[in-house]
Amino acid sequence: MKLVLASTSAYRKMLLERLRLRFETDKPETDETALPGEAPAATAERLSVEKARAVASRHPDALIIGSDQVAYLGVEVFGKPGTTENAVRQLQRMRGETVVFHTALTLLNTRSGATQTVGVPTHARFRQLSDEEIRRYVEKEKPLDCAGSAKSEGLGIALLEAMSGDDPTALIGLPLIALSRMLRHEGLDIP
């Protein structure tokens, strides 16, 4: 069976390459809008399933990986900022706070229809950042395409005071510990 990453994210692709498996990528056309009253973690988990299903018909004999991440503080959700101004505002709101980055992962076997889904939260405590630090960071790293405006795999690690979670790759967007377990369950040899 072939392995398909239902994503065009450079970050997820880079992470999956760590497992040294051959895989393809396919772009899911999925509306990422939260449903009314939907909890942030539930949004991430629903979207990970929808992304995997969105490409399933194009890959009838494959294991398809879907993933989604939602960053939130209480009921406030921090999406991909898209602009420098939005990134600065998000980081100003998150300074001194602990933000949950909930990364959901789905593995869909299109041959059997079996679906495995798991959510992997990471708690990131941001330092009490000055406006100058925030602006300097955004200017240097340009984190406009990631939930919460901070790239922990890059300079964004300097914004954090601490983080906790079961899988350090979950914060980047693809929890490899959980994915390895799921792939083994489907009969793949990892490593």
N, C-alpha and C. Protein backbone atom coordinates (compact mmCIF):
# COMPACT_ATOMS: atom_id res chain seq x y z
N MET A 1 0.84 -1.19 0.00
CA MET A 1 0.00 0.00 0.00
C MET A 1 0.87 1.24 0.00
N LYS A 2 0.43 2.23 -0.74
CA LYS A 2 1.18 3.48 -0.72
C LYS A 2 0.75 4.33 0.46
N LEU A 3 1.61 5.26 0.82
CA LEU A 3 1.38 6.18 1.92
C LEU A 3 1.18 7.57 1.34
N VAL A 4 0.11 8.24 1.76
CA VAL A 4 -0.23 9.56 1.23
C VAL A 4 -0.42 10.54 2.39
N LEU A 5 0.26 11.65 2.32
CA LEU A 5 0.09 12.74 3.27
C LEU A 5 -0.92 13.70 2.67
N ALA A 6 -2.09 13.82 3.29
CA ALA A 6 -3.14 14.70 2.79
C ALA A 6 -2.85 16.13 3.25
N SER A 7 -1.80 16.68 2.69
CA SER A 7 -1.35 18.01 3.08
C SER A 7 -0.29 18.49 2.10
N THR A 8 -0.23 19.78 1.91
CA THR A 8 0.87 20.36 1.15
C THR A 8 1.76 21.19 2.07
N SER A 9 1.60 21.03 3.38
CA SER A 9 2.41 21.75 4.36
C SER A 9 3.87 21.29 4.28
N ALA A 10 4.76 22.24 4.10
CA ALA A 10 6.19 21.93 4.08
C ALA A 10 6.63 21.38 5.43
N TYR A 11 6.02 21.85 6.52
CA TYR A 11 6.39 21.40 7.87
C TYR A 11 6.00 19.94 8.08
N ARG A 12 4.79 19.58 7.68
CA ARG A 12 4.36 18.18 7.83
C ARG A 12 5.18 17.25 6.94
N LYS A 13 5.46 17.70 5.73
CA LYS A 13 6.27 16.89 4.82
C LYS A 13 7.66 16.65 5.41
N MET A 14 8.28 17.70 5.94
CA MET A 14 9.60 17.58 6.55
C MET A 14 9.58 16.60 7.71
N LEU A 15 8.53 16.66 8.53
CA LEU A 15 8.44 15.74 9.66
C LEU A 15 8.26 14.30 9.20
N LEU A 16 7.37 14.07 8.24
CA LEU A 16 7.14 12.70 7.77
C LEU A 16 8.39 12.11 7.13
N GLU A 17 9.21 12.93 6.52
CA GLU A 17 10.47 12.44 5.93
C GLU A 17 11.39 11.83 6.98
N ARG A 18 11.24 12.20 8.23
CA ARG A 18 12.06 11.63 9.31
C ARG A 18 11.86 10.13 9.44
N LEU A 19 10.67 9.63 9.09
CA LEU A 19 10.40 8.19 9.22
C LEU A 19 10.98 7.37 8.08
N ARG A 20 11.56 8.03 7.08
CA ARG A 20 12.25 7.38 5.96
C ARG A 20 11.36 6.38 5.23
N LEU A 21 10.11 6.80 5.05
CA LEU A 21 9.16 6.01 4.27
C LEU A 21 8.87 6.74 2.97
N ARG A 22 8.61 5.99 1.93
CA ARG A 22 8.20 6.61 0.67
C ARG A 22 6.75 7.06 0.81
N PHE A 23 6.47 8.28 0.40
CA PHE A 23 5.10 8.78 0.47
C PHE A 23 4.87 9.83 -0.60
N GLU A 24 3.60 10.06 -0.86
CA GLU A 24 3.17 11.11 -1.77
C GLU A 24 2.43 12.16 -0.95
N THR A 25 2.27 13.34 -1.53
CA THR A 25 1.41 14.34 -0.91
C THR A 25 0.25 14.63 -1.85
N ASP A 26 -0.86 15.00 -1.27
CA ASP A 26 -2.05 15.34 -2.05
C ASP A 26 -2.79 16.42 -1.27
N LYS A 27 -3.19 17.46 -1.97
CA LYS A 27 -3.83 18.59 -1.31
C LYS A 27 -5.32 18.32 -1.08
N PRO A 28 -5.73 18.32 0.18
CA PRO A 28 -7.16 18.17 0.46
C PRO A 28 -7.85 19.53 0.29
N GLU A 29 -8.98 19.54 -0.34
CA GLU A 29 -9.77 20.77 -0.45
C GLU A 29 -10.80 20.70 0.67
N THR A 30 -10.46 21.29 1.81
CA THR A 30 -11.29 21.17 3.00
C THR A 30 -11.57 22.55 3.57
N ASP A 31 -12.81 22.81 3.91
CA ASP A 31 -13.18 24.04 4.60
C ASP A 31 -12.75 23.88 6.05
N GLU A 32 -11.87 24.76 6.52
CA GLU A 32 -11.32 24.63 7.86
C GLU A 32 -12.07 25.45 8.91
N THR A 33 -13.27 25.89 8.59
CA THR A 33 -14.07 26.67 9.51
C THR A 33 -14.61 25.79 10.63
N ALA A 34 -14.51 26.28 11.86
CA ALA A 34 -15.08 25.56 13.00
C ALA A 34 -16.60 25.58 12.91
N LEU A 35 -17.23 24.53 13.38
CA LEU A 35 -18.69 24.48 13.43
C LEU A 35 -19.18 25.29 14.62
N PRO A 36 -20.39 25.82 14.56
CA PRO A 36 -20.90 26.60 15.69
C PRO A 36 -20.88 25.78 16.99
N GLY A 37 -20.29 26.35 18.03
CA GLY A 37 -20.22 25.69 19.33
C GLY A 37 -19.21 24.57 19.44
N GLU A 38 -18.43 24.34 18.39
CA GLU A 38 -17.46 23.24 18.39
C GLU A 38 -16.23 23.61 19.21
N ALA A 39 -15.82 22.74 20.10
CA ALA A 39 -14.62 22.96 20.90
C ALA A 39 -13.39 22.92 19.99
N PRO A 40 -12.34 23.70 20.30
CA PRO A 40 -11.15 23.73 19.44
C PRO A 40 -10.54 22.36 19.19
N ALA A 41 -10.44 21.53 20.22
CA ALA A 41 -9.85 20.19 20.03
C ALA A 41 -10.72 19.36 19.09
N ALA A 42 -12.03 19.48 19.22
CA ALA A 42 -12.95 18.74 18.35
C ALA A 42 -12.82 19.22 16.90
N THR A 43 -12.60 20.52 16.71
CA THR A 43 -12.40 21.04 15.36
C THR A 43 -11.18 20.40 14.72
N ALA A 44 -10.06 20.37 15.45
CA ALA A 44 -8.84 19.78 14.90
C ALA A 44 -9.05 18.32 14.54
N GLU A 45 -9.71 17.57 15.42
CA GLU A 45 -9.91 16.15 15.16
C GLU A 45 -10.85 15.92 13.99
N ARG A 46 -11.93 16.69 13.89
CA ARG A 46 -12.85 16.56 12.76
C ARG A 46 -12.13 16.88 11.45
N LEU A 47 -11.34 17.95 11.45
CA LEU A 47 -10.65 18.35 10.23
C LEU A 47 -9.58 17.35 9.80
N SER A 48 -8.93 16.71 10.76
CA SER A 48 -7.94 15.70 10.37
C SER A 48 -8.60 14.55 9.63
N VAL A 49 -9.79 14.16 10.08
CA VAL A 49 -10.54 13.10 9.40
C VAL A 49 -11.00 13.59 8.03
N GLU A 50 -11.55 14.80 7.97
CA GLU A 50 -12.05 15.33 6.70
C GLU A 50 -10.93 15.47 5.67
N LYS A 51 -9.74 15.87 6.11
CA LYS A 51 -8.62 16.00 5.18
C LYS A 51 -8.23 14.64 4.60
N ALA A 52 -8.19 13.62 5.45
CA ALA A 52 -7.86 12.28 4.96
C ALA A 52 -8.93 11.79 3.97
N ARG A 53 -10.19 12.00 4.32
CA ARG A 53 -11.28 11.55 3.45
C ARG A 53 -11.33 12.32 2.14
N ALA A 54 -10.90 13.58 2.16
CA ALA A 54 -10.96 14.43 0.96
C ALA A 54 -10.11 13.91 -0.18
N VAL A 55 -9.04 13.18 0.13
CA VAL A 55 -8.17 12.66 -0.93
C VAL A 55 -8.34 11.15 -1.13
N ALA A 56 -9.17 10.51 -0.31
CA ALA A 56 -9.30 9.05 -0.33
C ALA A 56 -9.73 8.50 -1.69
N SER A 57 -10.64 9.17 -2.36
CA SER A 57 -11.14 8.63 -3.64
C SER A 57 -10.06 8.61 -4.72
N ARG A 58 -9.04 9.42 -4.56
CA ARG A 58 -7.94 9.45 -5.54
C ARG A 58 -6.87 8.39 -5.24
N HIS A 59 -7.00 7.74 -4.09
CA HIS A 59 -5.98 6.76 -3.66
C HIS A 59 -6.71 5.54 -3.07
N PRO A 60 -7.24 4.65 -3.93
CA PRO A 60 -8.06 3.54 -3.44
C PRO A 60 -7.32 2.45 -2.68
N ASP A 61 -6.01 2.42 -2.73
CA ASP A 61 -5.26 1.37 -2.03
C ASP A 61 -4.10 2.04 -1.29
N ALA A 62 -4.47 2.81 -0.25
CA ALA A 62 -3.44 3.61 0.42
C ALA A 62 -3.75 3.81 1.90
N LEU A 63 -2.70 4.17 2.60
CA LEU A 63 -2.84 4.69 3.96
C LEU A 63 -2.71 6.20 3.84
N ILE A 64 -3.74 6.90 4.28
CA ILE A 64 -3.77 8.34 4.12
C ILE A 64 -3.67 9.01 5.48
N ILE A 65 -2.75 9.97 5.57
CA ILE A 65 -2.51 10.71 6.80
C ILE A 65 -3.15 12.08 6.69
N GLY A 66 -4.06 12.37 7.62
CA GLY A 66 -4.65 13.70 7.73
C GLY A 66 -4.24 14.30 9.07
N SER A 67 -4.00 15.59 9.08
CA SER A 67 -3.61 16.24 10.33
C SER A 67 -4.11 17.67 10.33
N ASP A 68 -4.43 18.17 11.50
CA ASP A 68 -4.85 19.56 11.66
C ASP A 68 -4.44 20.02 13.05
N GLN A 69 -4.21 21.32 13.17
CA GLN A 69 -3.81 21.88 14.46
C GLN A 69 -4.64 23.12 14.75
N VAL A 70 -5.10 23.23 15.99
CA VAL A 70 -5.80 24.41 16.46
C VAL A 70 -5.09 24.89 17.72
N ALA A 71 -4.74 26.18 17.72
CA ALA A 71 -4.13 26.80 18.91
C ALA A 71 -5.22 27.60 19.62
N TYR A 72 -5.29 27.45 20.94
CA TYR A 72 -6.34 28.18 21.65
C TYR A 72 -5.94 28.49 23.09
N LEU A 73 -6.61 29.51 23.61
CA LEU A 73 -6.47 29.96 24.99
C LEU A 73 -7.89 30.15 25.50
N GLY A 74 -8.34 29.22 26.34
CA GLY A 74 -9.74 29.23 26.74
C GLY A 74 -10.60 28.94 25.52
N VAL A 75 -11.48 29.88 25.16
CA VAL A 75 -12.32 29.70 23.97
C VAL A 75 -11.80 30.51 22.79
N GLU A 76 -10.73 31.25 23.00
CA GLU A 76 -10.15 32.08 21.94
C GLU A 76 -9.21 31.23 21.08
N VAL A 77 -9.47 31.21 19.78
CA VAL A 77 -8.70 30.40 18.84
C VAL A 77 -7.75 31.29 18.06
N PHE A 78 -6.52 30.80 17.88
CA PHE A 78 -5.50 31.52 17.11
C PHE A 78 -5.19 30.73 15.85
N GLY A 79 -5.64 31.22 14.71
CA GLY A 79 -5.40 30.55 13.45
C GLY A 79 -4.09 31.02 12.82
N LYS A 80 -3.95 30.73 11.55
CA LYS A 80 -2.79 31.21 10.79
C LYS A 80 -2.98 32.72 10.60
N PRO A 81 -2.02 33.52 11.00
CA PRO A 81 -2.25 34.97 10.99
C PRO A 81 -2.38 35.59 9.60
N GLY A 82 -1.61 35.11 8.64
CA GLY A 82 -1.70 35.64 7.28
C GLY A 82 -1.02 36.97 7.05
N THR A 83 -1.04 37.85 8.05
CA THR A 83 -0.39 39.16 7.92
C THR A 83 0.49 39.43 9.12
N THR A 84 1.44 40.32 8.93
CA THR A 84 2.34 40.72 10.02
C THR A 84 1.54 41.30 11.18
N GLU A 85 0.58 42.14 10.89
CA GLU A 85 -0.22 42.79 11.93
C GLU A 85 -0.97 41.76 12.77
N ASN A 86 -1.57 40.77 12.11
CA ASN A 86 -2.29 39.72 12.84
C ASN A 86 -1.33 38.90 13.70
N ALA A 87 -0.14 38.59 13.18
CA ALA A 87 0.84 37.82 13.95
C ALA A 87 1.25 38.59 15.20
N VAL A 88 1.50 39.88 15.06
CA VAL A 88 1.88 40.70 16.22
C VAL A 88 0.74 40.70 17.25
N ARG A 89 -0.50 40.88 16.79
CA ARG A 89 -1.65 40.89 17.72
C ARG A 89 -1.79 39.55 18.44
N GLN A 90 -1.63 38.45 17.70
CA GLN A 90 -1.75 37.14 18.35
C GLN A 90 -0.70 36.97 19.44
N LEU A 91 0.53 37.30 19.11
CA LEU A 91 1.61 37.12 20.10
C LEU A 91 1.45 38.07 21.28
N GLN A 92 0.93 39.25 21.06
CA GLN A 92 0.66 40.16 22.18
C GLN A 92 -0.39 39.56 23.10
N ARG A 93 -1.40 38.93 22.52
CA ARG A 93 -2.45 38.30 23.33
C ARG A 93 -1.94 37.09 24.08
N MET A 94 -0.97 36.36 23.50
CA MET A 94 -0.49 35.12 24.11
C MET A 94 0.64 35.34 25.12
N ARG A 95 1.26 36.51 25.14
CA ARG A 95 2.39 36.72 26.05
C ARG A 95 1.97 36.50 27.50
N GLY A 96 2.83 35.76 28.19
CA GLY A 96 2.58 35.44 29.60
C GLY A 96 1.51 34.38 29.82
N GLU A 97 0.97 33.82 28.76
CA GLU A 97 -0.13 32.85 28.86
C GLU A 97 0.33 31.46 28.42
N THR A 98 -0.44 30.45 28.81
CA THR A 98 -0.22 29.09 28.33
C THR A 98 -1.27 28.78 27.28
N VAL A 99 -0.80 28.53 26.09
CA VAL A 99 -1.66 28.27 24.94
C VAL A 99 -1.61 26.78 24.62
N VAL A 100 -2.76 26.21 24.32
CA VAL A 100 -2.82 24.80 23.93
C VAL A 100 -2.76 24.73 22.41
N PHE A 101 -1.84 23.94 21.91
CA PHE A 101 -1.75 23.63 20.48
C PHE A 101 -2.22 22.17 20.36
N HIS A 102 -3.46 22.00 19.91
CA HIS A 102 -4.04 20.66 19.81
C HIS A 102 -3.85 20.16 18.38
N THR A 103 -3.01 19.15 18.22
CA THR A 103 -2.74 18.59 16.91
C THR A 103 -3.46 17.25 16.80
N ALA A 104 -4.32 17.16 15.79
CA ALA A 104 -5.06 15.93 15.57
C ALA A 104 -4.45 15.18 14.39
N LEU A 105 -4.51 13.87 14.48
CA LEU A 105 -3.91 13.00 13.48
C LEU A 105 -4.90 11.90 13.13
N THR A 106 -5.06 11.64 11.84
CA THR A 106 -5.91 10.55 11.37
C THR A 106 -5.12 9.71 10.38
N LEU A 107 -5.25 8.40 10.50
CA LEU A 107 -4.70 7.47 9.51
C LEU A 107 -5.88 6.67 8.97
N LEU A 108 -6.13 6.82 7.67
CA LEU A 108 -7.25 6.16 6.99
C LEU A 108 -6.71 5.11 6.03
N ASN A 109 -7.15 3.88 6.20
CA ASN A 109 -6.81 2.79 5.30
C ASN A 109 -7.93 2.72 4.27
N THR A 110 -7.65 3.14 3.03
CA THR A 110 -8.71 3.18 2.02
C THR A 110 -9.10 1.78 1.53
N ARG A 111 -8.25 0.80 1.76
CA ARG A 111 -8.59 -0.57 1.36
C ARG A 111 -9.63 -1.16 2.32
N SER A 112 -9.39 -1.02 3.62
CA SER A 112 -10.29 -1.63 4.61
C SER A 112 -11.33 -0.65 5.16
N GLY A 113 -11.08 0.64 5.01
CA GLY A 113 -11.97 1.65 5.59
C GLY A 113 -11.67 1.96 7.05
N ALA A 114 -10.68 1.26 7.62
CA ALA A 114 -10.32 1.49 9.02
C ALA A 114 -9.75 2.90 9.20
N THR A 115 -10.19 3.56 10.27
CA THR A 115 -9.73 4.91 10.56
C THR A 115 -9.27 4.97 12.01
N GLN A 116 -8.08 5.53 12.19
CA GLN A 116 -7.56 5.79 13.53
C GLN A 116 -7.40 7.30 13.67
N THR A 117 -7.89 7.86 14.76
CA THR A 117 -7.76 9.29 15.01
C THR A 117 -7.35 9.51 16.46
N VAL A 118 -6.43 10.45 16.64
CA VAL A 118 -5.97 10.79 17.98
C VAL A 118 -5.68 12.29 18.04
N GLY A 119 -5.87 12.87 19.22
CA GLY A 119 -5.51 14.26 19.44
C GLY A 119 -4.32 14.33 20.38
N VAL A 120 -3.36 15.18 20.05
CA VAL A 120 -2.14 15.29 20.86
C VAL A 120 -1.96 16.77 21.25
N PRO A 121 -2.30 17.12 22.49
CA PRO A 121 -2.16 18.52 22.90
C PRO A 121 -0.74 18.83 23.38
N THR A 122 -0.32 20.04 23.11
CA THR A 122 0.93 20.56 23.64
C THR A 122 0.61 21.89 24.32
N HIS A 123 1.07 22.06 25.55
CA HIS A 123 0.86 23.31 26.28
C HIS A 123 2.14 24.14 26.17
N ALA A 124 2.01 25.31 25.59
CA ALA A 124 3.16 26.20 25.40
C ALA A 124 2.97 27.46 26.24
N ARG A 125 3.87 27.68 27.18
CA ARG A 125 3.81 28.88 28.03
C ARG A 125 4.73 29.94 27.44
N PHE A 126 4.13 31.03 27.02
CA PHE A 126 4.89 32.12 26.41
C PHE A 126 5.48 33.03 27.48
N ARG A 127 6.67 33.52 27.20
CA ARG A 127 7.31 34.49 28.10
C ARG A 127 6.50 35.78 28.09
N GLN A 128 6.78 36.64 29.03
CA GLN A 128 6.17 37.97 29.07
C GLN A 128 6.94 38.82 28.06
N LEU A 129 6.53 38.76 26.83
CA LEU A 129 7.26 39.38 25.72
C LEU A 129 6.95 40.86 25.60
N SER A 130 7.97 41.65 25.28
CA SER A 130 7.75 43.07 25.01
C SER A 130 7.25 43.22 23.57
N ASP A 131 6.62 44.34 23.29
CA ASP A 131 6.18 44.60 21.92
C ASP A 131 7.36 44.59 20.96
N GLU A 132 8.49 45.10 21.41
CA GLU A 132 9.69 45.12 20.58
C GLU A 132 10.17 43.71 20.24
N GLU A 133 10.17 42.81 21.24
CA GLU A 133 10.57 41.41 21.00
C GLU A 133 9.62 40.75 19.99
N ILE A 134 8.34 41.01 20.16
CA ILE A 134 7.34 40.42 19.26
C ILE A 134 7.56 40.90 17.83
N ARG A 135 7.69 42.19 17.66
CA ARG A 135 7.88 42.74 16.31
C ARG A 135 9.17 42.23 15.67
N ARG A 136 10.23 42.17 16.48
CA ARG A 136 11.51 41.69 15.97
C ARG A 136 11.40 40.23 15.53
N TYR A 137 10.72 39.43 16.34
CA TYR A 137 10.54 38.03 15.99
C TYR A 137 9.74 37.89 14.68
N VAL A 138 8.62 38.57 14.60
CA VAL A 138 7.77 38.45 13.41
C VAL A 138 8.52 38.91 12.17
N GLU A 139 9.30 39.96 12.30
CA GLU A 139 10.08 40.46 11.17
C GLU A 139 11.14 39.45 10.72
N LYS A 140 11.79 38.80 11.68
CA LYS A 140 12.86 37.85 11.34
C LYS A 140 12.33 36.51 10.82
N GLU A 141 11.29 35.97 11.45
CA GLU A 141 10.85 34.62 11.09
C GLU A 141 9.65 34.60 10.14
N LYS A 142 8.87 35.66 10.14
CA LYS A 142 7.68 35.74 9.27
C LYS A 142 6.79 34.50 9.44
N PRO A 143 6.27 34.28 10.66
CA PRO A 143 5.47 33.09 10.94
C PRO A 143 4.00 33.25 10.54
N LEU A 144 3.75 33.63 9.32
CA LEU A 144 2.40 33.97 8.89
C LEU A 144 1.55 32.78 8.48
N ASP A 145 2.19 31.61 8.34
CA ASP A 145 1.47 30.43 7.86
C ASP A 145 1.34 29.33 8.90
N CYS A 146 1.47 29.70 10.18
CA CYS A 146 1.34 28.67 11.22
C CYS A 146 0.41 29.15 12.33
N ALA A 147 -0.38 28.23 12.85
CA ALA A 147 -1.32 28.54 13.91
C ALA A 147 -0.58 29.12 15.11
N GLY A 148 -1.04 30.25 15.60
CA GLY A 148 -0.43 30.84 16.78
C GLY A 148 0.78 31.70 16.52
N SER A 149 1.19 31.86 15.28
CA SER A 149 2.25 32.81 14.90
C SER A 149 3.62 32.53 15.50
N ALA A 150 3.91 31.30 15.88
CA ALA A 150 5.23 31.00 16.45
C ALA A 150 5.71 29.65 15.95
N LYS A 151 6.94 29.60 15.48
CA LYS A 151 7.53 28.35 14.99
C LYS A 151 8.54 27.84 16.02
N SER A 152 8.11 26.87 16.80
CA SER A 152 8.99 26.34 17.85
C SER A 152 10.21 25.64 17.27
N GLU A 153 10.12 25.19 16.02
CA GLU A 153 11.27 24.53 15.39
C GLU A 153 12.29 25.54 14.89
N GLY A 154 11.98 26.81 15.00
CA GLY A 154 12.89 27.87 14.58
C GLY A 154 13.12 28.85 15.71
N LEU A 155 13.21 30.11 15.35
CA LEU A 155 13.46 31.18 16.32
C LEU A 155 12.34 31.31 17.35
N GLY A 156 11.14 30.85 17.02
CA GLY A 156 10.00 30.92 17.93
C GLY A 156 10.23 30.24 19.26
N ILE A 157 11.16 29.32 19.32
CA ILE A 157 11.46 28.65 20.60
C ILE A 157 11.90 29.67 21.64
N ALA A 158 12.49 30.79 21.21
CA ALA A 158 12.94 31.83 22.14
C ALA A 158 11.79 32.60 22.76
N LEU A 159 10.59 32.44 22.23
CA LEU A 159 9.42 33.12 22.78
C LEU A 159 8.82 32.37 23.97
N LEU A 160 9.22 31.11 24.12
CA LEU A 160 8.60 30.24 25.11
C LEU A 160 9.38 30.19 26.42
N GLU A 161 8.61 30.03 27.47
CA GLU A 161 9.19 29.81 28.80
C GLU A 161 9.26 28.32 29.09
N ALA A 162 8.24 27.60 28.63
CA ALA A 162 8.19 26.16 28.85
C ALA A 162 7.14 25.57 27.92
N MET A 163 7.26 24.26 27.70
CA MET A 163 6.20 23.55 26.99
C MET A 163 6.13 22.12 27.50
N SER A 164 4.92 21.56 27.41
CA SER A 164 4.74 20.18 27.87
C SER A 164 3.78 19.46 26.93
N GLY A 165 4.07 18.21 26.73
CA GLY A 165 3.24 17.37 25.87
C GLY A 165 3.91 16.04 25.67
N ASP A 166 3.17 15.12 25.05
CA ASP A 166 3.68 13.76 24.87
C ASP A 166 4.56 13.59 23.64
N ASP A 167 4.56 14.56 22.71
CA ASP A 167 5.27 14.38 21.46
C ASP A 167 5.78 15.73 20.97
N PRO A 168 7.10 15.94 20.96
CA PRO A 168 7.62 17.25 20.55
C PRO A 168 7.31 17.61 19.10
N THR A 169 7.05 16.62 18.25
CA THR A 169 6.74 16.94 16.85
C THR A 169 5.29 17.38 16.68
N ALA A 170 4.45 17.15 17.66
CA ALA A 170 3.05 17.57 17.57
C ALA A 170 2.95 19.08 17.45
N LEU A 171 3.78 19.80 18.17
CA LEU A 171 3.73 21.26 18.13
C LEU A 171 4.07 21.79 16.74
N ILE A 172 4.88 21.06 15.99
CA ILE A 172 5.25 21.49 14.64
C ILE A 172 4.15 21.11 13.64
N GLY A 173 3.30 20.15 13.98
CA GLY A 173 2.16 19.87 13.13
C GLY A 173 1.89 18.43 12.74
N LEU A 174 2.76 17.50 13.13
CA LEU A 174 2.53 16.09 12.80
C LEU A 174 3.14 15.22 13.91
N PRO A 175 2.30 14.68 14.80
CA PRO A 175 2.82 13.89 15.93
C PRO A 175 3.36 12.53 15.48
N LEU A 176 4.67 12.45 15.36
CA LEU A 176 5.30 11.25 14.81
C LEU A 176 5.26 10.05 15.73
N ILE A 177 5.21 10.26 17.04
CA ILE A 177 5.11 9.11 17.94
C ILE A 177 3.78 8.40 17.72
N ALA A 178 2.69 9.17 17.70
CA ALA A 178 1.37 8.59 17.45
C ALA A 178 1.28 8.01 16.05
N LEU A 179 1.83 8.71 15.06
CA LEU A 179 1.78 8.21 13.69
C LEU A 179 2.54 6.89 13.56
N SER A 180 3.69 6.78 14.19
CA SER A 180 4.46 5.53 14.14
C SER A 180 3.64 4.38 14.72
N ARG A 181 2.97 4.65 15.83
CA ARG A 181 2.12 3.63 16.45
C ARG A 181 1.00 3.21 15.49
N MET A 182 0.36 4.17 14.85
CA MET A 182 -0.73 3.88 13.92
C MET A 182 -0.25 3.08 12.71
N LEU A 183 0.90 3.47 12.18
CA LEU A 183 1.46 2.75 11.03
C LEU A 183 1.83 1.32 11.39
N ARG A 184 2.39 1.12 12.58
CA ARG A 184 2.71 -0.24 13.03
C ARG A 184 1.42 -1.06 13.13
N HIS A 185 0.34 -0.43 13.62
CA HIS A 185 -0.95 -1.11 13.74
C HIS A 185 -1.45 -1.57 12.37
N GLU A 186 -1.07 -0.85 11.33
CA GLU A 186 -1.46 -1.22 9.96
C GLU A 186 -0.45 -2.16 9.30
N GLY A 187 0.57 -2.60 10.05
CA GLY A 187 1.50 -3.61 9.55
C GLY A 187 2.80 -3.08 8.97
N LEU A 188 3.03 -1.78 9.04
CA LEU A 188 4.29 -1.23 8.54
C LEU A 188 5.39 -1.41 9.58
N ASP A 189 6.58 -1.65 9.11
CA ASP A 189 7.73 -1.77 10.00
C ASP A 189 8.30 -0.39 10.26
N ILE A 190 8.16 0.08 11.50
CA ILE A 190 8.71 1.38 11.91
C ILE A 190 9.56 1.13 13.13
N PRO A 191 10.83 1.32 13.18
CA PRO A 191 11.71 1.63 12.06
C PRO A 191 11.94 0.41 11.20
